[in-house]
Amino acid sequence: MARAQLDKQPREVAEMFDGVARRYDLTNTVLSFGRDRAWRRATRAALALGPGDRVLDLAAGTGVSTAELARSGAYAVGADISLGMLRAGRRARPDTVLLAGDALALPFADRTFDAVTISFGLRNIVDVPGALRELARVTRPGGRLVVCEFSHPTFGPFRAAYLKYLMRALPAVARRVASNPEAYAYLAESIRAWPDQAQLAVRLGGSGWTGVSWRNLTGGIVALHRATRAD
């Protein structure tokens, strides 16, 4: 299967993730040296969820992140454009709520959720500002957003080593463990091309969100951006 190009057409992105669904969770754990679990826990903590809260997990994939959010006692709903990922998730996590949904036309009413989040999916959406506005639409005023996404390590030598791993070692490891290793060449390219922490904060501030801040994880390999839905 041909990998999606960096123009991120929704059909191609969905097909690419369909192709990696079978071993997606295992591949992520291997490629991140197990740090993916800590990043999910940090996302849940940043959302400050409590029992009775309603939270949307966009780009939920197989629902591993949605299940983590549900550990807070909140009612967690996962949505994703890839039917293959959703099928894999429903088999692995039958008690997790997973729905098909386009990030640019979410199947939810205005002000449905107390909090929304997207992990490692925003950079794969063709219209990032449109997706951020759509997330704001389905969030109540004063509700919370957390974006967990790959970013730019802040220490120069570490960043150089990370980029070398990203562009050379990551595709090589993926060839051993992934169900569609070609897709990981695209994923590596999309990470390298993604805006840094400050640039993403500006995008958030222009898309219906206020009080934007971020915290680096693993030296800036990942950043958690937090914001509040404007009134």
C-alpha atoms as a PDB file:
ATOM      1  CA  MET A   1       0.000   0.000   0.000  1.00  0.00           C
ATOM      2  CA  ALA A   2       1.313   3.451  -0.888  1.00  0.00           C
ATOM      3  CA  ARG A   3       1.884   5.699   2.091  1.00  0.00           C
ATOM      4  CA  ALA A   4       0.037   8.990   2.408  1.00  0.00           C
ATOM      5  CA  GLN A   5       1.817  12.081   1.151  1.00  0.00           C
ATOM      6  CA  LEU A   6       2.359  15.142   3.323  1.00  0.00           C
ATOM      7  CA  ASP A   7      -0.690  16.881   1.789  1.00  0.00           C
ATOM      8  CA  LYS A   8      -2.663  14.654   4.210  1.00  0.00           C
ATOM      9  CA  GLN A   9      -5.756  13.931   2.144  1.00  0.00           C
ATOM     10  CA  PRO A  10      -8.270  12.330   4.539  1.00  0.00           C
ATOM     11  CA  ARG A  11      -8.946   9.220   2.449  1.00  0.00           C
ATOM     12  CA  GLU A  12      -5.240   8.480   2.074  1.00  0.00           C
ATOM     13  CA  VAL A  13      -4.535   9.072   5.764  1.00  0.00           C
ATOM     14  CA  ALA A  14      -7.420   6.783   6.752  1.00  0.00           C
ATOM     15  CA  GLU A  15      -6.171   4.055   4.400  1.00  0.00           C
ATOM     16  CA  MET A  16      -2.644   4.384   5.758  1.00  0.00           C
ATOM     17  CA  PHE A  17      -3.834   3.906   9.335  1.00  0.00           C
ATOM     18  CA  ASP A  18      -6.082   1.028   8.270  1.00  0.00           C
ATOM     19  CA  GLY A  19      -2.901  -0.635   7.085  1.00  0.00           C
ATOM     20  CA  VAL A  20      -1.023  -0.249  10.374  1.00  0.00           C
ATOM     21  CA  ALA A  21      -3.949  -1.041  12.703  1.00  0.00           C
ATOM     22  CA  ARG A  22      -3.145  -4.693  13.381  1.00  0.00           C
ATOM     23  CA  ARG A  23       0.147  -4.022  15.221  1.00  0.00           C
ATOM     24  CA  TYR A  24      -0.180  -0.299  15.861  1.00  0.00           C
ATOM     25  CA  ASP A  25      -0.096  -0.377  19.658  1.00  0.00           C
ATOM     26  CA  LEU A  26       2.877  -2.749  19.789  1.00  0.00           C
ATOM     27  CA  THR A  27       4.794  -0.721  17.211  1.00  0.00           C
ATOM     28  CA  ASN A  28       4.246   2.523  19.133  1.00  0.00           C
ATOM     29  CA  THR A  29       5.518   0.985  22.351  1.00  0.00           C
ATOM     30  CA  VAL A  30       8.626  -0.417  20.649  1.00  0.00           C
ATOM     31  CA  LEU A  31       9.456   2.788  18.752  1.00  0.00           C
ATOM     32  CA  SER A  32       8.996   4.985  21.844  1.00  0.00           C
ATOM     33  CA  PHE A  33      10.943   2.620  24.125  1.00  0.00           C
ATOM     34  CA  GLY A  34       7.793   2.325  26.235  1.00  0.00           C
ATOM     35  CA  ARG A  35       7.413   6.079  26.784  1.00  0.00           C
ATOM     36  CA  ASP A  36       3.994   6.069  25.093  1.00  0.00           C
ATOM     37  CA  ARG A  37       2.427   4.834  28.349  1.00  0.00           C
ATOM     38  CA  ALA A  38       3.856   7.771  30.323  1.00  0.00           C
ATOM     39  CA  TRP A  39       2.678  10.234  27.658  1.00  0.00           C
ATOM     40  CA  ARG A  40      -0.879   8.879  27.931  1.00  0.00           C
ATOM     41  CA  ARG A  41      -0.803   9.202  31.720  1.00  0.00           C
ATOM     42  CA  ALA A  42       0.490  12.772  31.442  1.00  0.00           C
ATOM     43  CA  THR A  43      -2.322  13.648  29.039  1.00  0.00           C
ATOM     44  CA  ARG A  44      -4.932  12.302  31.437  1.00  0.00           C
ATOM     45  CA  ALA A  45      -3.403  14.231  34.333  1.00  0.00           C
ATOM     46  CA  ALA A  46      -3.263  17.473  32.317  1.00  0.00           C
ATOM     47  CA  LEU A  47      -6.977  17.237  31.522  1.00  0.00           C
ATOM     48  CA  ALA A  48      -7.806  17.144  35.261  1.00  0.00           C
ATOM     49  CA  LEU A  49     -10.798  14.879  34.644  1.00  0.00           C
ATOM     50  CA  GLY A  50     -13.200  13.821  37.333  1.00  0.00           C
ATOM     51  CA  PRO A  51     -16.199  11.496  37.674  1.00  0.00           C
ATOM     52  CA  GLY A  52     -19.087  12.771  35.590  1.00  0.00           C
ATOM     53  CA  ASP A  53     -16.933  14.724  33.130  1.00  0.00           C
ATOM     54  CA  ARG A  54     -17.456  14.036  29.453  1.00  0.00           C
ATOM     55  CA  VAL A  55     -14.253  13.877  27.415  1.00  0.00           C
ATOM     56  CA  LEU A  56     -13.677  13.411  23.682  1.00  0.00           C
ATOM     57  CA  ASP A  57     -10.518  11.616  22.539  1.00  0.00           C
ATOM     58  CA  LEU A  58     -10.090  12.615  18.889  1.00  0.00           C
ATOM     59  CA  ALA A  59      -7.839  10.532  16.617  1.00  0.00           C
ATOM     60  CA  ALA A  60      -8.281   7.778  19.200  1.00  0.00           C
ATOM     61  CA  GLY A  61      -7.089   4.998  16.925  1.00  0.00           C
ATOM     62  CA  THR A  62      -7.447   1.675  18.711  1.00  0.00           C
ATOM     63  CA  GLY A  63      -8.728   3.380  21.857  1.00  0.00           C
ATOM     64  CA  VAL A  64      -5.720   2.775  24.091  1.00  0.00           C
ATOM     65  CA  SER A  65      -5.691   6.501  24.920  1.00  0.00           C
ATOM     66  CA  THR A  66      -9.478   6.531  25.424  1.00  0.00           C
ATOM     67  CA  ALA A  67      -9.243   3.671  27.916  1.00  0.00           C
ATOM     68  CA  GLU A  68      -6.548   5.603  29.792  1.00  0.00           C
ATOM     69  CA  LEU A  69      -8.825   8.646  30.042  1.00  0.00           C
ATOM     70  CA  ALA A  70     -11.665   6.494  31.358  1.00  0.00           C
ATOM     71  CA  ARG A  71      -9.484   5.499  34.317  1.00  0.00           C
ATOM     72  CA  SER A  72     -10.222   8.959  35.747  1.00  0.00           C
ATOM     73  CA  GLY A  73     -13.907   8.080  36.137  1.00  0.00           C
ATOM     74  CA  ALA A  74     -14.904  10.395  33.284  1.00  0.00           C
ATOM     75  CA  TYR A  75     -17.159   9.264  30.435  1.00  0.00           C
ATOM     76  CA  ALA A  76     -14.638   8.953  27.592  1.00  0.00           C
ATOM     77  CA  VAL A  77     -15.577   8.760  23.908  1.00  0.00           C
ATOM     78  CA  GLY A  78     -13.011   7.991  21.222  1.00  0.00           C
ATOM     79  CA  ALA A  79     -13.419   9.079  17.597  1.00  0.00           C
ATOM     80  CA  ASP A  80     -11.264   8.294  14.574  1.00  0.00           C
ATOM     81  CA  ILE A  81     -11.450   8.444  10.780  1.00  0.00           C
ATOM     82  CA  SER A  82      -9.809   5.023  10.297  1.00  0.00           C
ATOM     83  CA  LEU A  83     -12.324   2.182  10.368  1.00  0.00           C
ATOM     84  CA  GLY A  84      -9.478  -0.332  10.522  1.00  0.00           C
ATOM     85  CA  MET A  85      -8.137   1.229  13.699  1.00  0.00           C
ATOM     86  CA  LEU A  86     -11.615   1.302  15.230  1.00  0.00           C
ATOM     87  CA  ARG A  87     -12.206  -2.379  14.414  1.00  0.00           C
ATOM     88  CA  ALA A  88      -8.894  -3.317  16.041  1.00  0.00           C
ATOM     89  CA  GLY A  89      -9.760  -1.224  19.068  1.00  0.00           C
ATOM     90  CA  ARG A  90     -13.219  -2.705  19.500  1.00  0.00           C
ATOM     91  CA  ARG A  91     -11.743  -6.197  19.455  1.00  0.00           C
ATOM     92  CA  ALA A  92      -9.067  -5.312  22.009  1.00  0.00           C
ATOM     93  CA  ARG A  93     -11.206  -3.027  24.216  1.00  0.00           C
ATOM     94  CA  PRO A  94     -14.875  -3.966  23.866  1.00  0.00           C
ATOM     95  CA  ASP A  95     -15.890  -1.786  26.825  1.00  0.00           C
ATOM     96  CA  THR A  96     -14.409   1.396  25.316  1.00  0.00           C
ATOM     97  CA  VAL A  97     -16.716   3.739  23.377  1.00  0.00           C
ATOM     98  CA  LEU A  98     -15.216   4.190  19.893  1.00  0.00           C
ATOM     99  CA  LEU A  99     -17.013   5.999  17.056  1.00  0.00           C
ATOM    100  CA  ALA A 100     -16.203   6.872  13.445  1.00  0.00           C
ATOM    101  CA  GLY A 101     -15.773  10.592  12.980  1.00  0.00           C
ATOM    102  CA  ASP A 102     -14.082  13.194  10.781  1.00  0.00           C
ATOM    103  CA  ALA A 103     -12.093  15.796  12.726  1.00  0.00           C
ATOM    104  CA  LEU A 104     -13.511  18.533  10.479  1.00  0.00           C
ATOM    105  CA  ALA A 105     -17.155  17.492  10.944  1.00  0.00           C
ATOM    106  CA  LEU A 106     -17.504  15.848  14.344  1.00  0.00           C
ATOM    107  CA  PRO A 107     -20.766  13.920  14.910  1.00  0.00           C
ATOM    108  CA  PHE A 108     -21.562  15.728  18.174  1.00  0.00           C
ATOM    109  CA  ALA A 109     -23.734  18.670  19.159  1.00  0.00           C
ATOM    110  CA  ASP A 110     -22.308  22.016  20.231  1.00  0.00           C
ATOM    111  CA  ARG A 111     -20.953  22.158  23.810  1.00  0.00           C
ATOM    112  CA  THR A 112     -21.208  18.398  24.363  1.00  0.00           C
ATOM    113  CA  PHE A 113     -17.917  17.839  26.211  1.00  0.00           C
ATOM    114  CA  ASP A 114     -16.250  19.180  29.329  1.00  0.00           C
ATOM    115  CA  ALA A 115     -12.831  18.394  27.863  1.00  0.00           C
ATOM    116  CA  VAL A 116     -11.345  17.325  24.529  1.00  0.00           C
ATOM    117  CA  THR A 117      -7.965  15.936  23.579  1.00  0.00           C
ATOM    118  CA  ILE A 118      -6.039  14.697  20.568  1.00  0.00           C
ATOM    119  CA  SER A 119      -2.825  12.682  20.830  1.00  0.00           C
ATOM    120  CA  PHE A 120      -0.397  12.314  17.910  1.00  0.00           C
ATOM    121  CA  GLY A 121      -3.149  13.015  15.392  1.00  0.00           C
ATOM    122  CA  LEU A 122      -3.344  16.759  14.829  1.00  0.00           C
ATOM    123  CA  ARG A 123      -0.410  16.780  12.408  1.00  0.00           C
ATOM    124  CA  ASN A 124      -2.221  14.229  10.208  1.00  0.00           C
ATOM    125  CA  ILE A 125      -5.252  16.475   9.608  1.00  0.00           C
ATOM    126  CA  VAL A 126      -5.359  18.432   6.362  1.00  0.00           C
ATOM    127  CA  ASP A 127      -6.899  21.551   7.982  1.00  0.00           C
ATOM    128  CA  VAL A 128      -5.404  22.000  11.463  1.00  0.00           C
ATOM    129  CA  PRO A 129      -7.139  25.327  12.289  1.00  0.00           C
ATOM    130  CA  GLY A 130     -10.453  23.848  11.136  1.00  0.00           C
ATOM    131  CA  ALA A 131     -10.010  20.844  13.417  1.00  0.00           C
ATOM    132  CA  LEU A 132      -9.151  23.092  16.376  1.00  0.00           C
ATOM    133  CA  ARG A 133     -12.276  25.178  15.735  1.00  0.00           C
ATOM    134  CA  GLU A 134     -14.370  22.027  15.501  1.00  0.00           C
ATOM    135  CA  LEU A 135     -12.979  20.816  18.822  1.00  0.00           C
ATOM    136  CA  ALA A 136     -13.893  24.192  20.313  1.00  0.00           C
ATOM    137  CA  ARG A 137     -17.425  23.875  18.925  1.00  0.00           C
ATOM    138  CA  VAL A 138     -18.131  20.617  20.759  1.00  0.00           C
ATOM    139  CA  THR A 139     -16.572  21.850  24.030  1.00  0.00           C
ATOM    140  CA  ARG A 140     -18.546  23.813  26.616  1.00  0.00           C
ATOM    141  CA  PRO A 141     -17.348  27.354  27.408  1.00  0.00           C
ATOM    142  CA  GLY A 142     -14.554  27.071  29.943  1.00  0.00           C
ATOM    143  CA  GLY A 143     -13.880  23.483  28.903  1.00  0.00           C
ATOM    144  CA  ARG A 144     -10.368  22.145  28.524  1.00  0.00           C
ATOM    145  CA  LEU A 145      -8.196  21.064  25.597  1.00  0.00           C
ATOM    146  CA  VAL A 146      -4.966  19.072  25.729  1.00  0.00           C
ATOM    147  CA  VAL A 147      -2.968  18.391  22.576  1.00  0.00           C
ATOM    148  CA  CYS A 148      -0.309  15.708  23.005  1.00  0.00           C
ATOM    149  CA  GLU A 149       1.918  15.796  19.937  1.00  0.00           C
ATOM    150  CA  PHE A 150       5.475  15.193  18.803  1.00  0.00           C
ATOM    151  CA  SER A 151       7.471  18.409  18.955  1.00  0.00           C
ATOM    152  CA  HIS A 152      11.020  19.767  18.900  1.00  0.00           C
ATOM    153  CA  PRO A 153      13.608  18.769  21.527  1.00  0.00           C
ATOM    154  CA  THR A 154      15.039  21.886  23.109  1.00  0.00           C
ATOM    155  CA  PHE A 155      18.665  20.756  23.678  1.00  0.00           C
ATOM    156  CA  GLY A 156      20.635  20.980  20.421  1.00  0.00           C
ATOM    157  CA  PRO A 157      22.726  17.773  20.626  1.00  0.00           C
ATOM    158  CA  PHE A 158      19.732  15.765  21.820  1.00  0.00           C
ATOM    159  CA  ARG A 159      17.633  17.172  18.977  1.00  0.00           C
ATOM    160  CA  ALA A 160      20.292  16.181  16.430  1.00  0.00           C
ATOM    161  CA  ALA A 161      20.424  12.618  17.789  1.00  0.00           C
ATOM    162  CA  TYR A 162      16.629  12.426  17.868  1.00  0.00           C
ATOM    163  CA  LEU A 163      16.278  13.557  14.248  1.00  0.00           C
ATOM    164  CA  LYS A 164      18.841  10.957  13.189  1.00  0.00           C
ATOM    165  CA  TYR A 165      16.817   8.261  14.964  1.00  0.00           C
ATOM    166  CA  LEU A 166      13.583   9.607  13.517  1.00  0.00           C
ATOM    167  CA  MET A 167      14.658   9.604   9.886  1.00  0.00           C
ATOM    168  CA  ARG A 168      16.928   6.533   9.872  1.00  0.00           C
ATOM    169  CA  ALA A 169      16.326   4.181  12.759  1.00  0.00           C
ATOM    170  CA  LEU A 170      12.553   4.583  13.124  1.00  0.00           C
ATOM    171  CA  PRO A 171      11.727   3.289   9.607  1.00  0.00           C
ATOM    172  CA  ALA A 172      14.259   0.471  10.063  1.00  0.00           C
ATOM    173  CA  VAL A 173      12.679  -0.634  13.357  1.00  0.00           C
ATOM    174  CA  ALA A 174       9.211  -0.327  11.830  1.00  0.00           C
ATOM    175  CA  ARG A 175      10.206  -2.776   9.100  1.00  0.00           C
ATOM    176  CA  ARG A 176      10.667  -5.396  11.817  1.00  0.00           C
ATOM    177  CA  VAL A 177       7.526  -4.842  13.877  1.00  0.00           C
ATOM    178  CA  ALA A 178       4.901  -2.836  11.941  1.00  0.00           C
ATOM    179  CA  SER A 179       2.145  -4.312   9.781  1.00  0.00           C
ATOM    180  CA  ASN A 180       2.718  -1.566   7.158  1.00  0.00           C
ATOM    181  CA  PRO A 181       6.285  -0.268   7.665  1.00  0.00           C
ATOM    182  CA  GLU A 182       6.119   2.092   4.679  1.00  0.00           C
ATOM    183  CA  ALA A 183       3.638   4.227   6.612  1.00  0.00           C
ATOM    184  CA  TYR A 184       6.272   5.024   9.217  1.00  0.00           C
ATOM    185  CA  ALA A 185       8.409   6.838   6.657  1.00  0.00           C
ATOM    186  CA  TYR A 186       5.496   9.260   6.241  1.00  0.00           C
ATOM    187  CA  LEU A 187       5.029   9.499   9.994  1.00  0.00           C
ATOM    188  CA  ALA A 188       8.707  10.356  10.495  1.00  0.00           C
ATOM    189  CA  GLU A 189       8.525  13.035   7.799  1.00  0.00           C
ATOM    190  CA  SER A 190       5.347  14.506   9.299  1.00  0.00           C
ATOM    191  CA  ILE A 191       6.985  14.756  12.734  1.00  0.00           C
ATOM    192  CA  ARG A 192      10.027  16.556  11.316  1.00  0.00           C
ATOM    193  CA  ALA A 193       7.815  19.014   9.388  1.00  0.00           C
ATOM    194  CA  TRP A 194       5.510  19.808  12.330  1.00  0.00           C
ATOM    195  CA  PRO A 195       5.657  23.294  13.955  1.00  0.00           C
ATOM    196  CA  ASP A 196       7.559  23.751  17.198  1.00  0.00           C
ATOM    197  CA  GLN A 197       5.956  24.391  20.574  1.00  0.00           C
ATOM    198  CA  ALA A 198       5.582  28.164  20.218  1.00  0.00           C
ATOM    199  CA  GLN A 199       4.217  27.959  16.671  1.00  0.00           C
ATOM    200  CA  LEU A 200       1.554  25.436  17.682  1.00  0.00           C
ATOM    201  CA  ALA A 201       0.581  27.665  20.622  1.00  0.00           C
ATOM    202  CA  VAL A 202      -0.085  30.502  18.171  1.00  0.00           C
ATOM    203  CA  ARG A 203      -2.337  28.227  16.094  1.00  0.00           C
ATOM    204  CA  LEU A 204      -4.297  27.248  19.180  1.00  0.00           C
ATOM    205  CA  GLY A 205      -4.750  30.866  20.220  1.00  0.00           C
ATOM    206  CA  GLY A 206      -6.221  31.725  16.835  1.00  0.00           C
ATOM    207  CA  SER A 207      -8.757  28.885  16.801  1.00  0.00           C
ATOM    208  CA  GLY A 208     -11.164  29.554  19.664  1.00  0.00           C
ATOM    209  CA  TRP A 209      -8.862  28.682  22.574  1.00  0.00           C
ATOM    210  CA  THR A 210      -7.417  30.896  25.310  1.00  0.00           C
ATOM    211  CA  GLY A 211      -4.825  30.596  28.072  1.00  0.00           C
ATOM    212  CA  VAL A 212      -2.543  28.459  25.921  1.00  0.00           C
ATOM    213  CA  SER A 213       0.498  26.930  27.616  1.00  0.00           C
ATOM    214  CA  TRP A 214       2.694  23.917  27.047  1.00  0.00           C
ATOM    215  CA  ARG A 215       4.932  21.495  28.903  1.00  0.00           C
ATOM    216  CA  ASN A 216       7.699  19.439  27.325  1.00  0.00           C
ATOM    217  CA  LEU A 217       7.891  15.689  27.874  1.00  0.00           C
ATOM    218  CA  THR A 218      10.990  13.558  27.248  1.00  0.00           C
ATOM    219  CA  GLY A 219      13.132  16.591  26.507  1.00  0.00           C
ATOM    220  CA  GLY A 220      10.674  18.066  24.028  1.00  0.00           C
ATOM    221  CA  ILE A 221      10.203  14.967  21.873  1.00  0.00           C
ATOM    222  CA  VAL A 222       6.573  15.390  22.899  1.00  0.00           C
ATOM    223  CA  ALA A 223       4.791  18.511  24.127  1.00  0.00           C
ATOM    224  CA  LEU A 224       1.496  18.847  25.985  1.00  0.00           C
ATOM    225  CA  HIS A 225      -0.350  21.994  24.942  1.00  0.00           C
ATOM    226  CA  ARG A 226      -3.193  23.054  27.257  1.00  0.00           C
ATOM    227  CA  ALA A 227      -5.903  25.626  26.565  1.00  0.00           C
ATOM    228  CA  THR A 228      -9.395  26.669  27.616  1.00  0.00           C
ATOM    229  CA  ARG A 229     -12.470  27.105  25.435  1.00  0.00           C
ATOM    230  CA  ALA A 230     -13.254  30.770  25.009  1.00  0.00           C
ATOM    231  CA  ASP A 231     -16.676  31.982  26.178  1.00  0.00           C
END
